[in-house]
Amino acid sequence: MILASAIGQIGHPFYVLFAQVLAYCYEVVPNYAIAIGMLTLAVMVVVFPITLRGTRGMMKMQLLAPELKRLQTKYKVVPGMSVAERQDMRQRQQQEMMAVYKENNVSPAGGCLPMVMQFPIFIILYGTVRGLIHEKLVGTGKLAHLVPDPLYISHNSKIFHAIQASGGQLKSFGVNLADSVRTSGLSGTQKIPLIAMILVAILLQYIQMKQLNGRNPAAAAANPQMQQMQKFLPLVFAVIYISIPAAVNVYFIVSSLFRIGQQEVMYRRDPHIQASLAKLQARHKTDPKVVEAKEVKKNPPPSAPKSARSTPPKGAPTRPQKNQPRARGKRERRPR
């Protein structure tokens, strides 16, 4: 409870900001799904410079991978070293790696920033939607009942009156975006569009990952652990999609569509990313160690035939094999 209260206090200004932008979008197009889509596009445009910078940093980090690997090998801790020697080796390794980062103007955490930023945006939008469908208790005793009381928006706004008039529902294209698959009281027919939205969101995530790996197959082949994680990550998100309102799933669908187009534009138009990608592809052609190792592992060389292994060297005495019939010939008769 204390943690939730602290998060609510920290996020309150952002809830108000998102709700005000959403209210403005609803003034332009009075449809909840379209208004949330417009809000999502506005957020994605604002964070686009950070995404672009993070993608450039990620490409630079891939170019520096051989140099970083060399430093790790150079300062590798050998068994038998004392504690002081190990600490000295690690310290010198960190110092040289930081010098490489500074020389190439790269931040180690820069490539992870676009992915990390998705979580606070998700939390803010989730809190905003919960505030819009907030209800308060009025009356006392048997007359007590709940009435819609949207938070974070002006009471004079169109979206405020629309939510109150609909009884706290966010109806869009026949679907109440305030519901989730786990909302009690929904029939199977009412859950079908909610499940369809979840499946679309998962599919778009797989398309986005496939597009990214297709742009840089060398990096994808060099990190099989990341490949395995990417296969299961959308399924982890599916558990979240089931529990959150459909309005937040609209955000995930629109943001995935935006990122697919964003990646296409960045990898085709940005000169820094194109230059880094060309260097990575050239390196992969001249030194494709990872791919070769995989091919050898998948297709091992055929073992030598048994006859070739058992052939004795030249000049060595031969032994008769077991269960081999002896050559029969005529016996010479001895003179009596």
C-alpha atoms as a PDB file:
ATOM      1  CA  MET A   1       0.000   0.000   0.000  1.00  0.00           C
ATOM      2  CA  ILE A   2       2.807   2.403   0.877  1.00  0.00           C
ATOM      3  CA  LEU A   3       4.591   1.669  -2.422  1.00  0.00           C
ATOM      4  CA  ALA A   4       1.378   2.134  -4.426  1.00  0.00           C
ATOM      5  CA  SER A   5       0.700   5.415  -2.654  1.00  0.00           C
ATOM      6  CA  ALA A   6       4.230   6.647  -3.369  1.00  0.00           C
ATOM      7  CA  ILE A   7       3.930   5.702  -7.064  1.00  0.00           C
ATOM      8  CA  GLY A   8       0.568   7.455  -7.229  1.00  0.00           C
ATOM      9  CA  GLN A   9       1.993  10.670  -5.757  1.00  0.00           C
ATOM     10  CA  ILE A  10       4.978  10.633  -8.109  1.00  0.00           C
ATOM     11  CA  GLY A  11       2.857   9.822 -11.148  1.00  0.00           C
ATOM     12  CA  HIS A  12      -0.006  12.243 -10.391  1.00  0.00           C
ATOM     13  CA  PRO A  13       1.369  15.133 -12.519  1.00  0.00           C
ATOM     14  CA  PHE A  14       1.864  12.726 -15.445  1.00  0.00           C
ATOM     15  CA  TYR A  15      -1.642  11.287 -14.985  1.00  0.00           C
ATOM     16  CA  VAL A  16      -3.033  14.802 -15.232  1.00  0.00           C
ATOM     17  CA  LEU A  17      -0.906  15.557 -18.311  1.00  0.00           C
ATOM     18  CA  PHE A  18      -1.957  12.382 -20.137  1.00  0.00           C
ATOM     19  CA  ALA A  19      -5.617  12.913 -19.189  1.00  0.00           C
ATOM     20  CA  GLN A  20      -5.573  16.501 -20.446  1.00  0.00           C
ATOM     21  CA  VAL A  21      -4.047  15.452 -23.779  1.00  0.00           C
ATOM     22  CA  LEU A  22      -6.580  12.619 -24.043  1.00  0.00           C
ATOM     23  CA  ALA A  23      -9.428  15.057 -23.305  1.00  0.00           C
ATOM     24  CA  TYR A  24      -8.182  17.351 -26.066  1.00  0.00           C
ATOM     25  CA  CYS A  25      -7.972  14.428 -28.523  1.00  0.00           C
ATOM     26  CA  TYR A  26     -11.531  13.438 -27.577  1.00  0.00           C
ATOM     27  CA  GLU A  27     -12.645  17.000 -28.317  1.00  0.00           C
ATOM     28  CA  VAL A  28     -11.257  16.600 -31.847  1.00  0.00           C
ATOM     29  CA  VAL A  29     -12.541  13.044 -32.441  1.00  0.00           C
ATOM     30  CA  PRO A  30     -15.182  11.911 -29.897  1.00  0.00           C
ATOM     31  CA  ASN A  31     -14.129   8.252 -29.934  1.00  0.00           C
ATOM     32  CA  TYR A  32     -12.172   6.693 -27.075  1.00  0.00           C
ATOM     33  CA  ALA A  33     -10.090   4.291 -29.202  1.00  0.00           C
ATOM     34  CA  ILE A  34      -9.130   6.983 -31.722  1.00  0.00           C
ATOM     35  CA  ALA A  35      -8.403   9.470 -28.934  1.00  0.00           C
ATOM     36  CA  ILE A  36      -6.111   6.968 -27.177  1.00  0.00           C
ATOM     37  CA  GLY A  37      -4.422   6.266 -30.526  1.00  0.00           C
ATOM     38  CA  MET A  38      -3.822   9.999 -31.014  1.00  0.00           C
ATOM     39  CA  LEU A  39      -2.406  10.238 -27.485  1.00  0.00           C
ATOM     40  CA  THR A  40      -0.104   7.295 -28.224  1.00  0.00           C
ATOM     41  CA  LEU A  41       1.176   8.902 -31.429  1.00  0.00           C
ATOM     42  CA  ALA A  42       1.844  12.147 -29.546  1.00  0.00           C
ATOM     43  CA  VAL A  43       3.858  10.282 -26.893  1.00  0.00           C
ATOM     44  CA  MET A  44       5.819   8.305 -29.522  1.00  0.00           C
ATOM     45  CA  VAL A  45       6.703  11.485 -31.422  1.00  0.00           C
ATOM     46  CA  VAL A  46       7.932  13.144 -28.217  1.00  0.00           C
ATOM     47  CA  VAL A  47      10.203  10.211 -27.297  1.00  0.00           C
ATOM     48  CA  PHE A  48      11.390   9.654 -30.901  1.00  0.00           C
ATOM     49  CA  PRO A  49      14.701  11.588 -30.429  1.00  0.00           C
ATOM     50  CA  ILE A  50      15.528   9.383 -27.435  1.00  0.00           C
ATOM     51  CA  THR A  51      14.668   6.254 -29.446  1.00  0.00           C
ATOM     52  CA  LEU A  52      16.836   7.405 -32.350  1.00  0.00           C
ATOM     53  CA  ARG A  53      19.774   8.168 -30.075  1.00  0.00           C
ATOM     54  CA  GLY A  54      19.374   4.813 -28.307  1.00  0.00           C
ATOM     55  CA  THR A  55      19.333   2.928 -31.621  1.00  0.00           C
ATOM     56  CA  ARG A  56      22.494   4.699 -32.746  1.00  0.00           C
ATOM     57  CA  GLY A  57      24.153   3.834 -29.435  1.00  0.00           C
ATOM     58  CA  MET A  58      23.121   0.195 -29.770  1.00  0.00           C
ATOM     59  CA  MET A  59      24.718  -0.009 -33.228  1.00  0.00           C
ATOM     60  CA  LYS A  60      27.933   1.582 -31.931  1.00  0.00           C
ATOM     61  CA  MET A  61      28.041  -0.902 -29.059  1.00  0.00           C
ATOM     62  CA  GLN A  62      27.856  -3.758 -31.567  1.00  0.00           C
ATOM     63  CA  LEU A  63      30.777  -2.233 -33.465  1.00  0.00           C
ATOM     64  CA  LEU A  64      32.808  -2.019 -30.240  1.00  0.00           C
ATOM     65  CA  ALA A  65      32.039  -5.625 -29.261  1.00  0.00           C
ATOM     66  CA  PRO A  66      35.395  -7.084 -30.509  1.00  0.00           C
ATOM     67  CA  GLU A  67      37.391  -4.406 -28.643  1.00  0.00           C
ATOM     68  CA  LEU A  68      35.424  -5.012 -25.441  1.00  0.00           C
ATOM     69  CA  LYS A  69      35.903  -8.758 -25.833  1.00  0.00           C
ATOM     70  CA  ARG A  70      39.653  -8.217 -26.201  1.00  0.00           C
ATOM     71  CA  LEU A  71      39.749  -6.241 -22.949  1.00  0.00           C
ATOM     72  CA  GLN A  72      37.793  -8.948 -21.142  1.00  0.00           C
ATOM     73  CA  THR A  73      40.299 -11.548 -22.357  1.00  0.00           C
ATOM     74  CA  LYS A  74      43.259  -9.328 -21.468  1.00  0.00           C
ATOM     75  CA  TYR A  75      42.104  -8.824 -17.888  1.00  0.00           C
ATOM     76  CA  LYS A  76      40.623 -12.248 -17.344  1.00  0.00           C
ATOM     77  CA  VAL A  77      40.856 -13.447 -13.757  1.00  0.00           C
ATOM     78  CA  VAL A  78      43.027 -16.548 -13.554  1.00  0.00           C
ATOM     79  CA  PRO A  79      42.503 -19.167 -10.816  1.00  0.00           C
ATOM     80  CA  GLY A  80      45.095 -18.802  -8.089  1.00  0.00           C
ATOM     81  CA  MET A  81      45.104 -14.997  -8.038  1.00  0.00           C
ATOM     82  CA  SER A  82      44.815 -13.246  -4.728  1.00  0.00           C
ATOM     83  CA  VAL A  83      41.840 -11.076  -3.842  1.00  0.00           C
ATOM     84  CA  ALA A  84      43.880  -7.897  -4.336  1.00  0.00           C
ATOM     85  CA  GLU A  85      45.053  -9.042  -7.772  1.00  0.00           C
ATOM     86  CA  ARG A  86      41.510  -9.862  -8.851  1.00  0.00           C
ATOM     87  CA  GLN A  87      40.212  -6.475  -7.742  1.00  0.00           C
ATOM     88  CA  ASP A  88      43.089  -4.765  -9.562  1.00  0.00           C
ATOM     89  CA  MET A  89      42.346  -6.676 -12.782  1.00  0.00           C
ATOM     90  CA  ARG A  90      38.648  -5.812 -12.635  1.00  0.00           C
ATOM     91  CA  GLN A  91      39.399  -2.153 -11.892  1.00  0.00           C
ATOM     92  CA  ARG A  92      41.828  -1.859 -14.798  1.00  0.00           C
ATOM     93  CA  GLN A  93      39.344  -3.585 -17.096  1.00  0.00           C
ATOM     94  CA  GLN A  94      36.594  -1.150 -16.101  1.00  0.00           C
ATOM     95  CA  GLN A  95      38.886   1.830 -16.577  1.00  0.00           C
ATOM     96  CA  GLU A  96      39.915   0.776 -20.094  1.00  0.00           C
ATOM     97  CA  MET A  97      36.325  -0.048 -21.076  1.00  0.00           C
ATOM     98  CA  MET A  98      35.112   3.351 -19.853  1.00  0.00           C
ATOM     99  CA  ALA A  99      37.929   4.953 -21.875  1.00  0.00           C
ATOM    100  CA  VAL A 100      36.697   3.120 -24.988  1.00  0.00           C
ATOM    101  CA  TYR A 101      33.123   4.302 -24.324  1.00  0.00           C
ATOM    102  CA  LYS A 102      34.284   7.894 -23.837  1.00  0.00           C
ATOM    103  CA  GLU A 103      36.507   7.845 -26.914  1.00  0.00           C
ATOM    104  CA  ASN A 104      33.639   6.631 -29.112  1.00  0.00           C
ATOM    105  CA  ASN A 105      30.981   8.777 -27.373  1.00  0.00           C
ATOM    106  CA  VAL A 106      28.871   5.736 -26.419  1.00  0.00           C
ATOM    107  CA  SER A 107      26.819   5.062 -23.303  1.00  0.00           C
ATOM    108  CA  PRO A 108      26.531   1.383 -22.258  1.00  0.00           C
ATOM    109  CA  ALA A 109      22.932   1.884 -21.136  1.00  0.00           C
ATOM    110  CA  GLY A 110      21.911   4.058 -24.086  1.00  0.00           C
ATOM    111  CA  GLY A 111      20.729   1.156 -26.220  1.00  0.00           C
ATOM    112  CA  CYS A 112      18.412  -0.092 -23.472  1.00  0.00           C
ATOM    113  CA  LEU A 113      16.779   3.287 -22.860  1.00  0.00           C
ATOM    114  CA  PRO A 114      14.006   3.007 -25.529  1.00  0.00           C
ATOM    115  CA  MET A 115      12.890  -0.354 -24.123  1.00  0.00           C
ATOM    116  CA  VAL A 116      13.090   0.800 -20.507  1.00  0.00           C
ATOM    117  CA  MET A 117      10.989   3.885 -21.285  1.00  0.00           C
ATOM    118  CA  GLN A 118       8.021   1.721 -22.300  1.00  0.00           C
ATOM    119  CA  PHE A 119       7.380   0.696 -18.691  1.00  0.00           C
ATOM    120  CA  PRO A 120       6.875   4.165 -17.122  1.00  0.00           C
ATOM    121  CA  ILE A 121       4.683   5.172 -20.098  1.00  0.00           C
ATOM    122  CA  PHE A 122       2.627   2.019 -19.599  1.00  0.00           C
ATOM    123  CA  ILE A 123       2.260   2.695 -15.856  1.00  0.00           C
ATOM    124  CA  ILE A 124       1.220   6.325 -16.462  1.00  0.00           C
ATOM    125  CA  LEU A 125      -1.359   5.386 -19.099  1.00  0.00           C
ATOM    126  CA  TYR A 126      -2.698   2.574 -16.904  1.00  0.00           C
ATOM    127  CA  GLY A 127      -3.088   5.006 -13.991  1.00  0.00           C
ATOM    128  CA  THR A 128      -4.768   7.545 -16.269  1.00  0.00           C
ATOM    129  CA  VAL A 129      -7.339   5.020 -17.525  1.00  0.00           C
ATOM    130  CA  ARG A 130      -8.070   3.855 -13.981  1.00  0.00           C
ATOM    131  CA  GLY A 131      -8.626   7.478 -13.014  1.00  0.00           C
ATOM    132  CA  LEU A 132     -11.062   8.012 -15.887  1.00  0.00           C
ATOM    133  CA  ILE A 133     -13.226   5.064 -14.804  1.00  0.00           C
ATOM    134  CA  HIS A 134     -13.036   6.000 -11.110  1.00  0.00           C
ATOM    135  CA  GLU A 135     -16.279   5.751  -9.147  1.00  0.00           C
ATOM    136  CA  LYS A 136     -17.357   7.305  -5.856  1.00  0.00           C
ATOM    137  CA  LEU A 137     -19.957   6.244  -3.294  1.00  0.00           C
ATOM    138  CA  VAL A 138     -22.874   8.601  -2.759  1.00  0.00           C
ATOM    139  CA  GLY A 139     -25.781   8.337  -0.372  1.00  0.00           C
ATOM    140  CA  THR A 140     -26.018   6.399   2.878  1.00  0.00           C
ATOM    141  CA  GLY A 141     -27.565   3.151   3.984  1.00  0.00           C
ATOM    142  CA  LYS A 142     -29.761   1.445   1.418  1.00  0.00           C
ATOM    143  CA  LEU A 143     -29.589   4.472  -0.837  1.00  0.00           C
ATOM    144  CA  ALA A 144     -25.802   4.245  -1.155  1.00  0.00           C
ATOM    145  CA  HIS A 145     -24.627   3.609  -4.696  1.00  0.00           C
ATOM    146  CA  LEU A 146     -21.632   4.184  -6.963  1.00  0.00           C
ATOM    147  CA  VAL A 147     -21.551   6.925  -9.585  1.00  0.00           C
ATOM    148  CA  PRO A 148     -18.846   7.690 -12.174  1.00  0.00           C
ATOM    149  CA  ASP A 149     -16.311  10.244 -10.974  1.00  0.00           C
ATOM    150  CA  PRO A 150     -13.541  10.649 -13.596  1.00  0.00           C
ATOM    151  CA  LEU A 151     -10.276  11.997 -12.229  1.00  0.00           C
ATOM    152  CA  TYR A 152      -7.503  14.162 -13.706  1.00  0.00           C
ATOM    153  CA  ILE A 153      -9.785  15.934 -16.246  1.00  0.00           C
ATOM    154  CA  SER A 154     -11.852  19.097 -16.174  1.00  0.00           C
ATOM    155  CA  HIS A 155     -15.503  18.716 -15.217  1.00  0.00           C
ATOM    156  CA  ASN A 156     -16.384  20.971 -18.139  1.00  0.00           C
ATOM    157  CA  SER A 157     -14.699  18.758 -20.739  1.00  0.00           C
ATOM    158  CA  LYS A 158     -16.628  16.713 -23.282  1.00  0.00           C
ATOM    159  CA  ILE A 159     -14.967  13.457 -22.210  1.00  0.00           C
ATOM    160  CA  PHE A 160     -16.018  14.015 -18.569  1.00  0.00           C
ATOM    161  CA  HIS A 161     -19.690  14.365 -19.478  1.00  0.00           C
ATOM    162  CA  ALA A 162     -19.473  11.415 -21.911  1.00  0.00           C
ATOM    163  CA  ILE A 163     -18.081   9.102 -19.226  1.00  0.00           C
ATOM    164  CA  GLN A 164     -20.720  10.183 -16.724  1.00  0.00           C
ATOM    165  CA  ALA A 165     -23.518   9.754 -19.269  1.00  0.00           C
ATOM    166  CA  SER A 166     -22.369   6.224 -20.147  1.00  0.00           C
ATOM    167  CA  GLY A 167     -22.190   5.099 -16.508  1.00  0.00           C
ATOM    168  CA  GLY A 168     -18.386   4.956 -16.410  1.00  0.00           C
ATOM    169  CA  GLN A 169     -17.983   2.968 -19.631  1.00  0.00           C
ATOM    170  CA  LEU A 170     -15.511   3.758 -22.435  1.00  0.00           C
ATOM    171  CA  LYS A 171     -17.552   2.423 -25.350  1.00  0.00           C
ATOM    172  CA  SER A 172     -15.773   2.456 -28.703  1.00  0.00           C
ATOM    173  CA  PHE A 173     -16.807   0.455 -31.780  1.00  0.00           C
ATOM    174  CA  GLY A 174     -19.151  -1.553 -29.555  1.00  0.00           C
ATOM    175  CA  VAL A 175     -16.417  -2.501 -27.054  1.00  0.00           C
ATOM    176  CA  ASN A 176     -16.094  -1.167 -23.513  1.00  0.00           C
ATOM    177  CA  LEU A 177     -12.407  -0.263 -23.307  1.00  0.00           C
ATOM    178  CA  ALA A 178     -12.640  -0.117 -19.516  1.00  0.00           C
ATOM    179  CA  ASP A 179     -13.049  -3.924 -19.442  1.00  0.00           C
ATOM    180  CA  SER A 180     -10.390  -6.609 -19.527  1.00  0.00           C
ATOM    181  CA  VAL A 181     -10.595 -10.321 -20.256  1.00  0.00           C
ATOM    182  CA  ARG A 182     -10.658 -10.968 -16.501  1.00  0.00           C
ATOM    183  CA  THR A 183     -13.570  -8.584 -15.850  1.00  0.00           C
ATOM    184  CA  SER A 184     -16.316 -10.521 -14.108  1.00  0.00           C
ATOM    185  CA  GLY A 185     -19.778 -10.725 -15.621  1.00  0.00           C
ATOM    186  CA  LEU A 186     -18.681 -10.657 -19.265  1.00  0.00           C
ATOM    187  CA  SER A 187     -20.117 -13.227 -21.655  1.00  0.00           C
ATOM    188  CA  GLY A 188     -18.052 -15.184 -24.125  1.00  0.00           C
ATOM    189  CA  THR A 189     -19.256 -12.970 -26.972  1.00  0.00           C
ATOM    190  CA  GLN A 190     -18.176  -9.830 -25.105  1.00  0.00           C
ATOM    191  CA  LYS A 191     -14.704 -11.290 -24.505  1.00  0.00           C
ATOM    192  CA  ILE A 192     -14.060 -12.110 -28.193  1.00  0.00           C
ATOM    193  CA  PRO A 193     -13.021  -8.562 -29.252  1.00  0.00           C
ATOM    194  CA  LEU A 194     -10.878  -8.206 -26.114  1.00  0.00           C
ATOM    195  CA  ILE A 195      -9.058 -11.471 -26.905  1.00  0.00           C
ATOM    196  CA  ALA A 196      -8.671 -10.395 -30.544  1.00  0.00           C
ATOM    197  CA  MET A 197      -6.954  -7.174 -29.403  1.00  0.00           C
ATOM    198  CA  ILE A 198      -4.528  -9.185 -27.269  1.00  0.00           C
ATOM    199  CA  LEU A 199      -3.666 -11.483 -30.193  1.00  0.00           C
ATOM    200  CA  VAL A 200      -3.076  -8.494 -32.484  1.00  0.00           C
ATOM    201  CA  ALA A 201      -0.777  -6.888 -29.898  1.00  0.00           C
ATOM    202  CA  ILE A 202       1.279 -10.112 -29.557  1.00  0.00           C
ATOM    203  CA  LEU A 203       1.486 -10.564 -33.354  1.00  0.00           C
ATOM    204  CA  LEU A 204       2.734  -7.010 -33.852  1.00  0.00           C
ATOM    205  CA  GLN A 205       5.476  -7.563 -31.263  1.00  0.00           C
ATOM    206  CA  TYR A 206       6.709 -10.632 -33.141  1.00  0.00           C
ATOM    207  CA  ILE A 207       6.645  -8.683 -36.424  1.00  0.00           C
ATOM    208  CA  GLN A 208       8.630  -5.887 -34.817  1.00  0.00           C
ATOM    209  CA  MET A 209      11.304  -8.305 -33.524  1.00  0.00           C
ATOM    210  CA  LYS A 210      11.520 -10.121 -36.858  1.00  0.00           C
ATOM    211  CA  GLN A 211      11.967  -6.810 -38.645  1.00  0.00           C
ATOM    212  CA  LEU A 212      14.769  -5.757 -36.284  1.00  0.00           C
ATOM    213  CA  ASN A 213      16.620  -9.081 -36.601  1.00  0.00           C
ATOM    214  CA  GLY A 214      16.224  -9.016 -40.367  1.00  0.00           C
ATOM    215  CA  ARG A 215      17.904  -5.620 -40.528  1.00  0.00           C
ATOM    216  CA  ASN A 216      20.924  -6.850 -38.581  1.00  0.00           C
ATOM    217  CA  PRO A 217      21.248 -10.656 -38.934  1.00  0.00           C
ATOM    218  CA  ALA A 218      24.900 -10.607 -37.827  1.00  0.00           C
ATOM    219  CA  ALA A 219      23.997  -9.247 -34.387  1.00  0.00           C
ATOM    220  CA  ALA A 220      21.063 -11.649 -34.153  1.00  0.00           C
ATOM    221  CA  ALA A 221      23.301 -14.652 -34.916  1.00  0.00           C
ATOM    222  CA  ALA A 222      25.906 -13.481 -32.409  1.00  0.00           C
ATOM    223  CA  ASN A 223      23.452 -13.407 -29.499  1.00  0.00           C
ATOM    224  CA  PRO A 224      21.381 -16.624 -29.411  1.00  0.00           C
ATOM    225  CA  GLN A 225      20.315 -15.970 -25.803  1.00  0.00           C
ATOM    226  CA  MET A 226      18.611 -12.747 -26.870  1.00  0.00           C
ATOM    227  CA  GLN A 227      16.927 -14.668 -29.672  1.00  0.00           C
ATOM    228  CA  GLN A 228      15.443 -17.121 -27.189  1.00  0.00           C
ATOM    229  CA  MET A 229      14.303 -14.299 -24.901  1.00  0.00           C
ATOM    230  CA  GLN A 230      12.596 -12.516 -27.803  1.00  0.00           C
ATOM    231  CA  LYS A 231      10.549 -15.618 -28.549  1.00  0.00           C
ATOM    232  CA  PHE A 232       9.005 -15.690 -25.075  1.00  0.00           C
ATOM    233  CA  LEU A 233       8.836 -11.955 -24.268  1.00  0.00           C
ATOM    234  CA  PRO A 234       5.507 -11.339 -26.112  1.00  0.00           C
ATOM    235  CA  LEU A 235       4.002 -14.275 -24.240  1.00  0.00           C
ATOM    236  CA  VAL A 236       5.037 -12.653 -20.959  1.00  0.00           C
ATOM    237  CA  PHE A 237       3.316  -9.458 -22.082  1.00  0.00           C
ATOM    238  CA  ALA A 238       0.222 -11.527 -22.928  1.00  0.00           C
ATOM    239  CA  VAL A 239      -0.223 -12.199 -19.207  1.00  0.00           C
ATOM    240  CA  ILE A 240      -0.243  -8.430 -18.648  1.00  0.00           C
ATOM    241  CA  TYR A 241      -2.634  -7.802 -21.543  1.00  0.00           C
ATOM    242  CA  ILE A 242      -5.182 -10.164 -20.011  1.00  0.00           C
ATOM    243  CA  SER A 243      -5.320  -8.211 -16.760  1.00  0.00           C
ATOM    244  CA  ILE A 244      -5.303  -4.586 -17.956  1.00  0.00           C
ATOM    245  CA  PRO A 245      -8.159  -2.548 -19.480  1.00  0.00           C
ATOM    246  CA  ALA A 246      -8.549  -2.795 -23.246  1.00  0.00           C
ATOM    247  CA  ALA A 247      -7.835   0.940 -23.485  1.00  0.00           C
ATOM    248  CA  VAL A 248      -4.205   0.259 -22.525  1.00  0.00           C
ATOM    249  CA  ASN A 249      -4.038  -2.547 -25.108  1.00  0.00           C
ATOM    250  CA  VAL A 250      -5.001   0.053 -27.715  1.00  0.00           C
ATOM    251  CA  TYR A 251      -1.832   1.913 -26.699  1.00  0.00           C
ATOM    252  CA  PHE A 252       0.297  -1.212 -27.189  1.00  0.00           C
ATOM    253  CA  ILE A 253      -1.199  -1.896 -30.641  1.00  0.00           C
ATOM    254  CA  VAL A 254      -0.729   1.673 -31.887  1.00  0.00           C
ATOM    255  CA  SER A 255       2.772   1.971 -30.393  1.00  0.00           C
ATOM    256  CA  SER A 256       3.874  -1.305 -32.043  1.00  0.00           C
ATOM    257  CA  LEU A 257       2.576  -0.087 -35.412  1.00  0.00           C
ATOM    258  CA  PHE A 258       4.434   3.179 -34.911  1.00  0.00           C
ATOM    259  CA  ARG A 259       7.690   1.390 -34.015  1.00  0.00           C
ATOM    260  CA  ILE A 260       7.476  -0.854 -37.092  1.00  0.00           C
ATOM    261  CA  GLY A 261       7.260   2.223 -39.314  1.00  0.00           C
ATOM    262  CA  GLN A 262       9.835   4.034 -37.187  1.00  0.00           C
ATOM    263  CA  GLN A 263      12.416   1.264 -37.588  1.00  0.00           C
ATOM    264  CA  GLU A 264      11.817   1.203 -41.335  1.00  0.00           C
ATOM    265  CA  VAL A 265      12.474   4.938 -41.590  1.00  0.00           C
ATOM    266  CA  MET A 266      15.515   4.938 -39.266  1.00  0.00           C
ATOM    267  CA  TYR A 267      17.311   2.049 -40.979  1.00  0.00           C
ATOM    268  CA  ARG A 268      16.632   3.512 -44.435  1.00  0.00           C
ATOM    269  CA  ARG A 269      17.107   7.237 -43.827  1.00  0.00           C
ATOM    270  CA  ASP A 270      19.416   7.824 -40.862  1.00  0.00           C
ATOM    271  CA  PRO A 271      23.045   8.115 -42.089  1.00  0.00           C
ATOM    272  CA  HIS A 272      24.581   7.151 -38.729  1.00  0.00           C
ATOM    273  CA  ILE A 273      22.608   3.906 -38.496  1.00  0.00           C
ATOM    274  CA  GLN A 274      23.269   3.106 -42.162  1.00  0.00           C
ATOM    275  CA  ALA A 275      27.026   3.614 -41.703  1.00  0.00           C
ATOM    276  CA  SER A 276      27.122   1.411 -38.588  1.00  0.00           C
ATOM    277  CA  LEU A 277      25.026  -1.252 -40.290  1.00  0.00           C
ATOM    278  CA  ALA A 278      27.330  -1.270 -43.332  1.00  0.00           C
ATOM    279  CA  LYS A 279      30.379  -1.755 -41.075  1.00  0.00           C
ATOM    280  CA  LEU A 280      28.694  -4.609 -39.203  1.00  0.00           C
ATOM    281  CA  GLN A 281      27.718  -6.331 -42.444  1.00  0.00           C
ATOM    282  CA  ALA A 282      31.265  -5.933 -43.834  1.00  0.00           C
ATOM    283  CA  ARG A 283      32.735  -7.390 -40.650  1.00  0.00           C
ATOM    284  CA  HIS A 284      30.279 -10.275 -40.785  1.00  0.00           C
ATOM    285  CA  LYS A 285      31.409 -11.108 -44.339  1.00  0.00           C
ATOM    286  CA  THR A 286      35.129 -11.010 -43.483  1.00  0.00           C
ATOM    287  CA  ASP A 287      34.897 -12.732 -40.093  1.00  0.00           C
ATOM    288  CA  PRO A 288      31.670 -14.796 -39.783  1.00  0.00           C
ATOM    289  CA  LYS A 289      32.911 -16.911 -36.868  1.00  0.00           C
ATOM    290  CA  VAL A 290      29.580 -17.237 -35.130  1.00  0.00           C
ATOM    291  CA  VAL A 291      27.722 -18.484 -38.176  1.00  0.00           C
ATOM    292  CA  GLU A 292      30.482 -20.903 -39.126  1.00  0.00           C
ATOM    293  CA  ALA A 293      30.499 -22.374 -35.628  1.00  0.00           C
ATOM    294  CA  LYS A 294      26.762 -22.905 -35.764  1.00  0.00           C
ATOM    295  CA  GLU A 295      26.965 -24.576 -39.178  1.00  0.00           C
ATOM    296  CA  VAL A 296      29.653 -26.946 -37.984  1.00  0.00           C
ATOM    297  CA  LYS A 297      27.619 -27.808 -34.910  1.00  0.00           C
ATOM    298  CA  LYS A 298      24.506 -28.498 -36.949  1.00  0.00           C
ATOM    299  CA  ASN A 299      26.299 -30.464 -39.680  1.00  0.00           C
ATOM    300  CA  PRO A 300      29.222 -32.354 -38.110  1.00  0.00           C
ATOM    301  CA  PRO A 301      31.763 -33.862 -40.523  1.00  0.00           C
ATOM    302  CA  PRO A 302      31.089 -37.501 -41.383  1.00  0.00           C
ATOM    303  CA  SER A 303      33.170 -39.953 -39.412  1.00  0.00           C
ATOM    304  CA  ALA A 304      35.748 -42.008 -41.211  1.00  0.00           C
ATOM    305  CA  PRO A 305      34.624 -45.460 -42.401  1.00  0.00           C
ATOM    306  CA  LYS A 306      35.465 -48.407 -40.249  1.00  0.00           C
ATOM    307  CA  SER A 307      37.672 -49.936 -42.872  1.00  0.00           C
ATOM    308  CA  ALA A 308      39.740 -46.771 -43.100  1.00  0.00           C
ATOM    309  CA  ARG A 309      40.244 -46.657 -39.332  1.00  0.00           C
ATOM    310  CA  SER A 310      41.278 -50.280 -39.102  1.00  0.00           C
ATOM    311  CA  THR A 311      43.761 -50.186 -41.986  1.00  0.00           C
ATOM    312  CA  PRO A 312      47.215 -50.852 -40.506  1.00  0.00           C
ATOM    313  CA  PRO A 313      50.190 -48.749 -41.515  1.00  0.00           C
ATOM    314  CA  LYS A 314      52.466 -49.877 -44.301  1.00  0.00           C
ATOM    315  CA  GLY A 315      54.973 -52.548 -43.290  1.00  0.00           C
ATOM    316  CA  ALA A 316      53.211 -53.453 -40.035  1.00  0.00           C
ATOM    317  CA  PRO A 317      52.489 -57.152 -39.393  1.00  0.00           C
ATOM    318  CA  THR A 318      48.895 -58.052 -40.012  1.00  0.00           C
ATOM    319  CA  ARG A 319      46.845 -60.210 -37.678  1.00  0.00           C
ATOM    320  CA  PRO A 320      44.105 -62.473 -38.854  1.00  0.00           C
ATOM    321  CA  GLN A 321      40.682 -61.239 -37.859  1.00  0.00           C
ATOM    322  CA  LYS A 322      38.459 -63.341 -35.693  1.00  0.00           C
ATOM    323  CA  ASN A 323      35.692 -65.423 -37.227  1.00  0.00           C
ATOM    324  CA  GLN A 324      37.384 -65.144 -40.618  1.00  0.00           C
ATOM    325  CA  PRO A 325      37.541 -68.400 -42.577  1.00  0.00           C
ATOM    326  CA  ARG A 326      41.062 -69.624 -43.325  1.00  0.00           C
ATOM    327  CA  ALA A 327      42.058 -70.125 -46.906  1.00  0.00           C
ATOM    328  CA  ARG A 328      41.992 -73.784 -47.804  1.00  0.00           C
ATOM    329  CA  GLY A 329      44.689 -75.161 -50.077  1.00  0.00           C
ATOM    330  CA  LYS A 330      46.238 -78.518 -51.010  1.00  0.00           C
ATOM    331  CA  ARG A 331      48.476 -80.079 -48.350  1.00  0.00           C
ATOM    332  CA  GLU A 332      51.940 -81.135 -49.394  1.00  0.00           C
ATOM    333  CA  ARG A 333      52.550 -84.824 -48.816  1.00  0.00           C
ATOM    334  CA  ARG A 334      55.659 -85.692 -46.922  1.00  0.00           C
ATOM    335  CA  PRO A 335      57.797 -88.535 -48.279  1.00  0.00           C
ATOM    336  CA  ARG A 336      57.706 -91.664 -46.201  1.00  0.00           C
END
